[in-house]
Amino acid sequence: MRKFGNYLVIKPAFPTWSFFLFYSLLCLLSVDLYAQSSKKELYEQTIDRFNFSTIQYVLADDKQKPEAGKLASQLDGLQGNADSLLSKIVGVYGPNSKTQILSATINGFKNKYVEDRALGRQFADVGKFIREDRKGKSYLPQLEKDLQSIEEEALLKASTLAGTDNTQAQMQNASLTSASTMSKVAQGPASQQAELPTWVILLIGLIGVVSLANLYLYYKIFQRRRTSSSSKEDSHRTVYQVRDFEIFPRIEKNAEALEKKIEDLRKEMYAMVGERKNGAVTTTEQVKLPAAPPVAVEQRDSLPKPVVQTTAVEPGKVVEFQLNKPAVDSPKTLKKYADYPKENGFVMSQLQDSSDRRSIYELTIPPDSDYAQFTIVDNKELHEYAIQNRERLLKDACDFEVSSSQHTKIEVLRPGKLQKNGNTWQIRHKAQIKFV
């Protein structure tokens, strides 16, 4: 302390240049750590993009599981979270599936990150593994183009980040040089004795590292909460879609079948009551009919029995019978409905007589013909659902072009042609449709 007039002034233990050196070291450590973390974060984000792009092609190519097509259209809502992707894959294929192992292996490349190795070589290792694993798949050329574009974009960001880090490092070196010059010209030996020891510098660096680690952990916790909230919204949306397009249609279909059975039973009951009334004798006098020679009658099972109209007559008179011939209806054109084609056609046993919330295709089948045609049902909700899952529901039966992501309706330009082959209506010509 030093007396200055009537006041006591406390002299600082460290000169001004030491505080400048402290903040310079802290900024330098922060810049270095930020550069390393930014480069590693860019690497991990690129691996996640590789993972999501590959799994999207795998799910879209799976025609056996309808849930795979739904998940392929919902990958954008996962926001690049690899853990959410693995849980979704387990929900579709179960644990230890090939798709889950592929996604986990790609995600495991994050642990193989090397700071001193070029990002281009590390990305090349990931791309080589994906190409060898997906060898022979029809979508491999398009997948390679997507992976290449992702890699080029990441390398461009890395070069921009490296240029910014070099500029900041030069500024920090200049500040350190000026601080060292100030320390040399300080007055008296006391200023030289007040230089910071090594352990103080290490302590400053440790404080900076802990501060950055706290910020990083806070960012991760915030990102995880945001990802969990978005995954909850996606799960609710998926439950609503299953309820609207799978559960409700099945309930309606079962109710319609039950109503049809009740109506058939009611008709049979009325027919039995009518036959009993027609066969009962209402006259009190016995009707005597003249003997007649037997007549051979040809019975046909396909036609109903003729109805005989009788009236009360006097004894000895001849009774005339009038036979009502049943009318035979001519065959009519049938309308059948189907969800989506299987094995390049529509299986006859799976066709439905009425359209429900899952019936996308309407088949027109002429009588006694081996040829038919099909089109898309006129239902806006089904159109939106089919457009979102076009790779699974429309690609095998329709030719179309996608010009925008805001399509909500399907316009049929030309119906498709079918040919009967055993118990299947095979697709002979695809339908021409347009998204509007």
Protein backbone atom coordinates (compact mmCIF):
# COMPACT_ATOMS: atom_id res chain seq x y z
CA MET A 1 0.00 0.00 0.00
CA ARG A 2 1.07 3.58 -0.62
CA LYS A 3 -0.25 6.81 0.97
CA PHE A 4 -1.59 9.37 -1.46
CA GLY A 5 -2.79 12.45 0.42
CA ASN A 6 -5.40 11.36 2.98
CA TYR A 7 -6.06 8.06 1.12
CA LEU A 8 -4.37 4.70 1.03
CA VAL A 9 -3.89 3.31 -2.46
CA ILE A 10 -3.43 -0.46 -2.90
CA LYS A 11 -0.73 -1.24 -5.42
CA PRO A 12 -1.61 -4.22 -7.62
CA ALA A 13 0.51 -7.33 -7.17
CA PHE A 14 0.94 -7.71 -10.93
CA PRO A 15 1.77 -4.95 -13.42
CA THR A 16 -0.59 -4.01 -16.27
CA TRP A 17 1.29 -5.98 -18.91
CA SER A 18 0.69 -9.22 -16.96
CA PHE A 19 -3.09 -8.82 -17.24
CA PHE A 20 -2.70 -8.16 -20.95
CA LEU A 21 -0.61 -11.33 -21.23
CA PHE A 22 -3.27 -13.26 -19.27
CA TYR A 23 -6.09 -12.30 -21.62
CA SER A 24 -3.87 -12.90 -24.66
CA LEU A 25 -3.06 -16.45 -23.51
CA LEU A 26 -6.70 -17.11 -22.70
CA CYS A 27 -7.79 -15.92 -26.16
CA LEU A 28 -5.07 -17.98 -27.85
CA LEU A 29 -6.08 -21.14 -26.01
CA SER A 30 -9.71 -20.48 -26.80
CA VAL A 31 -8.95 -20.02 -30.51
CA ASP A 32 -6.91 -23.24 -30.67
CA LEU A 33 -9.55 -25.26 -28.85
CA TYR A 34 -12.30 -23.75 -30.96
CA ALA A 35 -10.44 -24.61 -34.15
CA GLN A 36 -9.92 -28.22 -33.05
CA SER A 37 -13.49 -28.65 -31.84
CA SER A 38 -14.90 -26.99 -34.97
CA LYS A 39 -12.88 -29.28 -37.23
CA LYS A 40 -13.95 -32.38 -35.29
CA GLU A 41 -17.56 -31.22 -35.18
CA LEU A 42 -17.50 -30.70 -38.95
CA TYR A 43 -16.12 -34.24 -39.35
CA GLU A 44 -18.86 -35.73 -37.14
CA GLN A 45 -21.61 -33.81 -38.94
CA THR A 46 -20.30 -35.07 -42.30
CA ILE A 47 -20.28 -38.68 -41.01
CA ASP A 48 -23.92 -38.21 -39.90
CA ARG A 49 -24.84 -36.93 -43.37
CA PHE A 50 -23.11 -39.97 -44.95
CA ASN A 51 -25.08 -42.21 -42.58
CA PHE A 52 -28.48 -40.62 -43.24
CA SER A 53 -28.00 -40.50 -47.04
CA THR A 54 -26.99 -44.20 -47.19
CA ILE A 55 -29.82 -45.41 -44.91
CA GLN A 56 -32.38 -43.37 -46.88
CA TYR A 57 -31.47 -45.25 -50.07
CA VAL A 58 -31.56 -48.60 -48.24
CA LEU A 59 -35.03 -47.93 -46.77
CA ALA A 60 -36.48 -46.60 -50.02
CA ASP A 61 -35.25 -49.72 -51.88
CA ASP A 62 -37.00 -52.11 -49.45
CA LYS A 63 -40.35 -53.01 -51.03
CA GLN A 64 -41.20 -55.82 -48.58
CA LYS A 65 -41.75 -53.65 -45.50
CA PRO A 66 -44.19 -50.72 -45.79
CA GLU A 67 -42.72 -49.24 -42.59
CA ALA A 68 -39.35 -48.81 -44.34
CA GLY A 69 -40.85 -46.43 -46.93
CA LYS A 70 -42.53 -44.39 -44.19
CA LEU A 71 -39.25 -44.09 -42.27
CA ALA A 72 -37.39 -43.04 -45.44
CA SER A 73 -39.77 -40.10 -45.84
CA GLN A 74 -39.34 -39.09 -42.16
CA LEU A 75 -35.52 -39.01 -41.95
CA ASP A 76 -35.40 -35.23 -42.44
CA GLY A 77 -37.31 -34.78 -39.18
CA LEU A 78 -34.58 -36.55 -37.16
CA GLN A 79 -32.23 -33.54 -37.67
CA GLY A 80 -29.13 -35.67 -38.20
CA ASN A 81 -29.31 -37.46 -34.83
CA ALA A 82 -27.63 -40.87 -35.25
CA ASP A 83 -29.07 -42.27 -31.99
CA SER A 84 -32.63 -41.50 -33.11
CA LEU A 85 -31.89 -43.11 -36.48
CA LEU A 86 -30.71 -46.34 -34.84
CA SER A 87 -33.80 -46.51 -32.63
CA LYS A 88 -36.08 -46.00 -35.66
CA ILE A 89 -34.27 -48.78 -37.58
CA VAL A 90 -34.69 -51.16 -34.63
CA GLY A 91 -38.39 -50.34 -34.57
CA VAL A 92 -38.73 -51.42 -38.23
CA TYR A 93 -36.31 -54.37 -38.55
CA GLY A 94 -35.70 -55.38 -34.95
CA PRO A 95 -32.32 -55.62 -33.18
CA ASN A 96 -29.11 -56.87 -34.86
CA SER A 97 -30.44 -56.35 -38.41
CA LYS A 98 -28.18 -55.69 -41.39
CA THR A 99 -29.45 -52.14 -41.73
CA GLN A 100 -28.79 -51.41 -38.05
CA ILE A 101 -25.26 -52.85 -38.28
CA LEU A 102 -24.56 -50.74 -41.38
CA SER A 103 -25.71 -47.53 -39.68
CA ALA A 104 -23.79 -48.30 -36.47
CA THR A 105 -20.59 -49.04 -38.44
CA ILE A 106 -20.78 -45.73 -40.33
CA ASN A 107 -21.45 -43.91 -37.06
CA GLY A 108 -18.42 -45.67 -35.52
CA PHE A 109 -16.06 -43.77 -37.87
CA LYS A 110 -16.50 -40.79 -35.52
CA ASN A 111 -14.22 -42.56 -33.02
CA LYS A 112 -11.50 -42.93 -35.69
CA TYR A 113 -10.99 -39.18 -36.11
CA VAL A 114 -7.30 -38.12 -36.26
CA GLU A 115 -6.48 -34.44 -35.72
CA ASP A 116 -3.27 -34.35 -37.79
CA ARG A 117 -4.69 -36.32 -40.74
CA ALA A 118 -6.33 -34.59 -43.70
CA LEU A 119 -10.12 -34.63 -43.72
CA GLY A 120 -10.22 -35.72 -47.35
CA ARG A 121 -8.41 -39.00 -46.59
CA GLN A 122 -10.65 -39.71 -43.60
CA PHE A 123 -13.78 -39.09 -45.68
CA ALA A 124 -12.35 -41.36 -48.41
CA ASP A 125 -12.14 -44.25 -45.91
CA VAL A 126 -15.83 -43.87 -45.05
CA GLY A 127 -16.86 -43.65 -48.71
CA LYS A 128 -14.80 -46.76 -49.55
CA PHE A 129 -16.56 -48.77 -46.85
CA ILE A 130 -20.03 -47.69 -48.05
CA ARG A 131 -19.24 -48.53 -51.69
CA GLU A 132 -17.95 -52.00 -50.80
CA ASP A 133 -20.94 -52.72 -48.55
CA ARG A 134 -23.52 -51.58 -51.14
CA LYS A 135 -21.78 -53.18 -54.13
CA GLY A 136 -24.24 -54.48 -56.72
CA LYS A 137 -27.18 -52.29 -55.65
CA SER A 138 -29.06 -50.37 -58.35
CA TYR A 139 -28.94 -47.11 -56.41
CA LEU A 140 -25.15 -47.18 -55.83
CA PRO A 141 -24.23 -44.68 -58.65
CA GLN A 142 -26.67 -42.07 -57.34
CA LEU A 143 -25.52 -42.72 -53.75
CA GLU A 144 -21.88 -42.15 -54.78
CA LYS A 145 -22.82 -38.78 -56.31
CA ASP A 146 -24.57 -37.71 -53.11
CA LEU A 147 -21.62 -38.77 -50.96
CA GLN A 148 -19.22 -36.89 -53.23
CA SER A 149 -21.26 -33.69 -53.02
CA ILE A 150 -21.41 -33.99 -49.20
CA GLU A 151 -17.64 -34.48 -49.06
CA GLU A 152 -16.94 -31.48 -51.32
CA GLU A 153 -19.17 -29.26 -49.21
CA ALA A 154 -17.44 -30.37 -45.99
CA LEU A 155 -13.96 -29.78 -47.44
CA LEU A 156 -15.01 -26.30 -48.55
CA LYS A 157 -16.16 -25.48 -45.03
CA ALA A 158 -12.92 -26.89 -43.62
CA SER A 159 -10.80 -24.67 -45.88
CA THR A 160 -12.83 -21.60 -44.88
CA LEU A 161 -12.43 -22.52 -41.21
CA ALA A 162 -8.65 -23.00 -41.63
CA GLY A 163 -8.29 -19.54 -43.24
CA THR A 164 -10.17 -17.88 -40.38
CA ASP A 165 -8.10 -19.72 -37.76
CA ASN A 166 -4.80 -18.65 -39.40
CA THR A 167 -5.86 -14.99 -39.36
CA GLN A 168 -6.84 -15.15 -35.69
CA ALA A 169 -3.57 -16.94 -34.79
CA GLN A 170 -1.54 -14.20 -36.47
CA MET A 171 -3.39 -11.54 -34.46
CA GLN A 172 -2.71 -13.45 -31.21
CA ASN A 173 0.99 -13.85 -32.04
CA ALA A 174 1.25 -10.11 -32.63
CA SER A 175 -0.37 -9.38 -29.27
CA LEU A 176 2.03 -11.80 -27.50
CA THR A 177 5.01 -10.15 -29.17
CA SER A 178 3.91 -6.71 -27.98
CA ALA A 179 3.38 -8.08 -24.46
CA SER A 180 6.89 -9.54 -24.34
CA THR A 181 8.35 -6.21 -25.53
CA MET A 182 6.52 -4.40 -22.75
CA SER A 183 7.92 -6.83 -20.17
CA LYS A 184 11.49 -6.11 -21.27
CA VAL A 185 11.23 -2.32 -20.94
CA ALA A 186 9.52 -2.39 -17.53
CA GLN A 187 11.32 -0.22 -14.97
CA GLY A 188 13.37 -1.69 -12.13
CA PRO A 189 14.13 -5.23 -11.05
CA ALA A 190 10.82 -5.46 -9.21
CA SER A 191 8.92 -5.61 -12.47
CA GLN A 192 11.06 -8.52 -13.69
CA GLN A 193 10.50 -10.40 -10.45
CA ALA A 194 6.74 -10.01 -10.84
CA GLU A 195 6.58 -12.14 -14.03
CA LEU A 196 4.03 -14.96 -13.97
CA PRO A 197 5.45 -18.41 -13.17
CA THR A 198 4.71 -21.45 -15.32
CA TRP A 199 2.11 -22.93 -12.98
CA VAL A 200 0.05 -19.73 -13.17
CA ILE A 201 0.01 -19.93 -16.97
CA LEU A 202 -1.03 -23.58 -16.79
CA LEU A 203 -3.76 -22.67 -14.33
CA ILE A 204 -5.04 -20.00 -16.73
CA GLY A 205 -5.06 -22.51 -19.54
CA LEU A 206 -6.93 -25.03 -17.39
CA ILE A 207 -9.56 -22.43 -16.50
CA GLY A 208 -10.03 -21.65 -20.18
CA VAL A 209 -10.38 -25.34 -21.06
CA VAL A 210 -12.94 -25.90 -18.29
CA SER A 211 -14.93 -22.87 -19.43
CA LEU A 212 -15.03 -24.08 -23.03
CA ALA A 213 -15.95 -27.58 -21.86
CA ASN A 214 -18.86 -26.19 -19.87
CA LEU A 215 -20.08 -24.25 -22.88
CA TYR A 216 -19.77 -27.33 -25.09
CA LEU A 217 -21.66 -29.51 -22.61
CA TYR A 218 -24.38 -26.88 -22.31
CA TYR A 219 -24.69 -26.81 -26.10
CA LYS A 220 -24.93 -30.61 -26.27
CA ILE A 221 -27.59 -30.73 -23.54
CA PHE A 222 -29.61 -28.05 -25.29
CA GLN A 223 -29.30 -29.82 -28.64
CA ARG A 224 -30.33 -33.16 -27.08
CA ARG A 225 -33.43 -31.61 -25.55
CA ARG A 226 -34.38 -30.04 -28.85
CA THR A 227 -33.81 -33.34 -30.67
CA SER A 228 -35.88 -35.27 -28.12
CA SER A 229 -38.77 -32.82 -28.49
CA SER A 230 -38.67 -33.14 -32.29
CA SER A 231 -38.54 -36.96 -32.04
CA LYS A 232 -41.64 -36.89 -29.80
CA GLU A 233 -43.48 -34.82 -32.40
CA ASP A 234 -42.43 -37.28 -35.13
CA SER A 235 -43.62 -40.25 -33.04
CA HIS A 236 -46.99 -38.57 -32.45
CA ARG A 237 -47.28 -37.84 -36.17
CA THR A 238 -46.46 -41.47 -37.01
CA VAL A 239 -49.11 -42.73 -34.55
CA TYR A 240 -51.72 -40.49 -36.15
CA GLN A 241 -50.82 -41.74 -39.65
CA VAL A 242 -51.09 -45.37 -38.52
CA ARG A 243 -54.44 -44.61 -36.91
CA ASP A 244 -55.85 -42.84 -40.00
CA PHE A 245 -54.47 -45.14 -42.73
CA GLU A 246 -54.31 -48.57 -41.06
CA ILE A 247 -56.41 -48.94 -37.90
CA PHE A 248 -59.54 -46.99 -38.93
CA PRO A 249 -59.74 -48.62 -42.42
CA ARG A 250 -59.54 -52.10 -40.86
CA ILE A 251 -62.32 -51.28 -38.38
CA GLU A 252 -64.51 -49.92 -41.18
CA LYS A 253 -63.80 -52.95 -43.35
CA ASN A 254 -64.72 -55.38 -40.55
CA ALA A 255 -67.91 -53.41 -39.83
CA GLU A 256 -68.93 -53.50 -43.50
CA ALA A 257 -68.32 -57.28 -43.66
CA LEU A 258 -70.40 -57.78 -40.51
CA GLU A 259 -73.27 -55.67 -41.90
CA LYS A 260 -73.16 -57.68 -45.15
CA LYS A 261 -73.42 -60.97 -43.24
CA ILE A 262 -76.37 -59.65 -41.22
CA GLU A 263 -78.14 -58.55 -44.41
CA ASP A 264 -77.60 -61.99 -46.02
CA LEU A 265 -79.01 -63.73 -42.94
CA ARG A 266 -82.03 -61.40 -42.99
CA LYS A 267 -82.72 -62.24 -46.67
CA GLU A 268 -82.43 -65.97 -46.02
CA MET A 269 -84.87 -65.68 -43.11
CA TYR A 270 -87.42 -63.79 -45.24
CA ALA A 271 -87.06 -66.41 -48.00
CA MET A 272 -87.69 -69.28 -45.56
CA VAL A 273 -90.80 -67.52 -44.17
CA GLY A 274 -92.13 -66.93 -47.72
CA GLU A 275 -91.65 -70.57 -48.71
CA ARG A 276 -93.60 -71.74 -45.66
CA LYS A 277 -96.48 -69.38 -46.43
CA ASN A 278 -96.67 -70.48 -50.10
CA GLY A 279 -96.62 -74.18 -49.17
CA ALA A 280 -99.45 -73.96 -46.57
CA VAL A 281 -103.04 -75.06 -47.54
CA THR A 282 -105.58 -72.27 -46.89
CA THR A 283 -108.80 -73.90 -48.22
CA THR A 284 -110.98 -76.22 -46.15
CA GLU A 285 -112.08 -78.29 -49.14
CA GLN A 286 -109.83 -80.89 -50.58
CA VAL A 287 -108.80 -80.12 -54.18
CA LYS A 288 -109.01 -83.09 -56.53
CA LEU A 289 -106.85 -82.84 -59.62
CA PRO A 290 -107.13 -85.11 -62.65
CA ALA A 291 -104.39 -87.62 -63.05
CA ALA A 292 -101.72 -86.60 -65.52
CA PRO A 293 -98.85 -88.56 -67.00
CA PRO A 294 -95.43 -87.92 -65.46
CA VAL A 295 -93.35 -85.31 -67.19
CA ALA A 296 -89.56 -85.40 -67.15
CA VAL A 297 -88.19 -82.10 -65.90
CA GLU A 298 -84.57 -81.19 -66.31
CA GLN A 299 -83.20 -79.70 -63.07
CA ARG A 300 -80.56 -77.05 -63.08
CA ASP A 301 -78.77 -76.04 -59.93
CA SER A 302 -77.81 -72.65 -61.21
CA LEU A 303 -81.46 -71.45 -61.64
CA PRO A 304 -83.93 -70.90 -58.76
CA LYS A 305 -87.03 -73.11 -58.40
CA PRO A 306 -90.16 -71.93 -60.26
CA VAL A 307 -92.99 -70.46 -58.18
CA VAL A 308 -96.43 -72.12 -58.65
CA GLN A 309 -99.46 -69.91 -58.17
CA THR A 310 -102.59 -71.82 -56.95
CA THR A 311 -106.17 -70.70 -56.35
CA ALA A 312 -109.14 -72.37 -54.73
CA VAL A 313 -111.16 -74.34 -57.41
CA GLU A 314 -114.28 -76.48 -57.47
CA PRO A 315 -114.01 -80.24 -57.56
CA GLY A 316 -113.69 -81.74 -61.03
CA LYS A 317 -112.18 -78.66 -62.65
CA VAL A 318 -108.74 -78.59 -64.20
CA VAL A 319 -106.22 -76.28 -62.54
CA GLU A 320 -103.80 -74.30 -64.74
CA PHE A 321 -100.31 -73.58 -63.41
CA GLN A 322 -98.27 -70.52 -64.34
CA LEU A 323 -94.50 -70.77 -64.04
CA ASN A 324 -92.46 -67.60 -63.53
CA LYS A 325 -89.17 -68.01 -65.35
CA PRO A 326 -86.25 -66.43 -63.49
CA ALA A 327 -84.54 -63.54 -65.22
CA VAL A 328 -80.85 -64.11 -65.94
CA ASP A 329 -78.80 -60.92 -65.57
CA SER A 330 -76.06 -60.26 -68.09
CA PRO A 331 -72.52 -60.03 -66.61
CA LYS A 332 -71.42 -56.55 -65.65
CA THR A 333 -68.08 -54.77 -65.54
CA LEU A 334 -66.44 -55.17 -62.11
CA LYS A 335 -64.74 -52.51 -60.01
CA LYS A 336 -61.99 -53.72 -57.68
CA TYR A 337 -59.62 -51.82 -55.39
CA ALA A 338 -56.04 -52.46 -54.24
CA ASP A 339 -53.41 -50.87 -51.99
CA TYR A 340 -50.28 -51.14 -54.15
CA PRO A 341 -48.87 -53.69 -56.64
CA LYS A 342 -46.90 -56.70 -55.48
CA GLU A 343 -44.64 -58.79 -57.74
CA ASN A 344 -45.36 -56.54 -60.75
CA GLY A 345 -49.11 -56.93 -60.47
CA PHE A 346 -52.24 -57.15 -58.31
CA VAL A 347 -53.09 -60.46 -56.60
CA MET A 348 -56.76 -61.34 -57.19
CA SER A 349 -57.32 -62.73 -53.70
CA GLN A 350 -56.22 -59.41 -52.18
CA LEU A 351 -58.55 -57.21 -54.26
CA GLN A 352 -61.41 -55.48 -52.44
CA ASP A 353 -65.00 -54.78 -53.57
CA SER A 354 -65.09 -51.30 -52.01
CA SER A 355 -62.57 -48.52 -51.52
CA ASP A 356 -61.21 -47.84 -48.05
CA ARG A 357 -58.57 -45.44 -46.73
CA ARG A 358 -55.72 -47.61 -47.99
CA SER A 359 -57.06 -48.35 -51.49
CA ILE A 360 -55.01 -46.27 -53.91
CA TYR A 361 -55.71 -48.12 -57.19
CA GLU A 362 -59.08 -48.74 -58.88
CA LEU A 363 -59.25 -51.70 -61.33
CA THR A 364 -61.90 -51.90 -64.09
CA ILE A 365 -62.38 -55.56 -65.13
CA PRO A 366 -64.65 -56.32 -68.14
CA PRO A 367 -66.71 -59.58 -68.04
CA ASP A 368 -65.07 -62.71 -69.46
CA SER A 369 -61.89 -60.89 -70.46
CA ASP A 370 -58.19 -61.40 -69.77
CA TYR A 371 -57.44 -57.69 -70.05
CA ALA A 372 -58.26 -54.84 -67.67
CA GLN A 373 -57.12 -51.34 -66.81
CA PHE A 374 -56.35 -49.43 -63.60
CA THR A 375 -56.22 -45.82 -62.41
CA ILE A 376 -55.82 -43.79 -59.18
CA VAL A 377 -58.84 -43.28 -56.89
CA ASP A 378 -60.12 -39.72 -56.49
CA ASN A 379 -59.22 -39.05 -52.83
CA LYS A 380 -57.11 -36.03 -51.79
CA GLU A 381 -55.92 -37.56 -48.50
CA LEU A 382 -54.78 -40.72 -50.27
CA HIS A 383 -53.06 -38.59 -52.92
CA GLU A 384 -50.95 -36.79 -50.29
CA TYR A 385 -50.10 -40.08 -48.57
CA ALA A 386 -49.16 -41.74 -51.89
CA ILE A 387 -46.98 -38.78 -52.97
CA GLN A 388 -45.04 -38.87 -49.69
CA ASN A 389 -44.42 -42.64 -50.20
CA ARG A 390 -44.20 -42.61 -53.99
CA GLU A 391 -41.13 -44.85 -54.13
CA ARG A 392 -43.06 -47.68 -52.44
CA LEU A 393 -46.65 -47.10 -53.60
CA LEU A 394 -46.46 -45.51 -57.10
CA LYS A 395 -43.07 -46.26 -58.67
CA ASP A 396 -43.84 -49.87 -59.74
CA ALA A 397 -47.19 -49.07 -61.38
CA CYS A 398 -46.93 -45.45 -62.59
CA ASP A 399 -44.63 -43.21 -64.63
CA PHE A 400 -44.25 -39.71 -63.17
CA GLU A 401 -41.90 -36.77 -62.72
CA VAL A 402 -41.28 -34.79 -59.53
CA SER A 403 -40.85 -31.04 -60.11
CA SER A 404 -41.56 -29.69 -56.61
CA SER A 405 -41.89 -30.83 -53.01
CA GLN A 406 -45.29 -29.17 -52.52
CA HIS A 407 -47.40 -31.61 -54.56
CA THR A 408 -50.75 -32.54 -52.97
CA LYS A 409 -52.79 -34.10 -55.81
CA ILE A 410 -52.40 -36.75 -58.53
CA GLU A 411 -53.75 -36.25 -62.04
CA VAL A 412 -54.10 -39.37 -64.22
CA LEU A 413 -53.03 -38.67 -67.80
CA ARG A 414 -53.50 -42.25 -69.08
CA PRO A 415 -54.79 -45.37 -67.27
CA GLY A 416 -52.57 -48.41 -66.95
CA LYS A 417 -53.14 -51.74 -68.75
CA LEU A 418 -53.38 -55.18 -67.08
CA GLN A 419 -53.29 -58.76 -68.34
CA LYS A 420 -54.55 -61.81 -66.48
CA ASN A 421 -51.84 -64.32 -65.57
CA GLY A 422 -52.99 -67.14 -63.31
CA ASN A 423 -54.27 -65.57 -60.08
CA THR A 424 -52.62 -62.20 -60.74
CA TRP A 425 -53.39 -59.17 -62.91
CA GLN A 426 -49.92 -58.40 -64.31
CA ILE A 427 -49.04 -54.81 -65.22
CA ARG A 428 -48.63 -54.63 -68.98
CA HIS A 429 -48.37 -50.82 -69.36
CA LYS A 430 -47.82 -48.41 -66.48
CA ALA A 431 -50.22 -45.55 -65.87
CA GLN A 432 -49.14 -42.01 -66.82
CA ILE A 433 -49.69 -39.60 -63.88
CA LYS A 434 -48.71 -36.06 -62.95
CA PHE A 435 -48.29 -34.39 -59.54
CA VAL A 436 -50.03 -31.02 -59.10
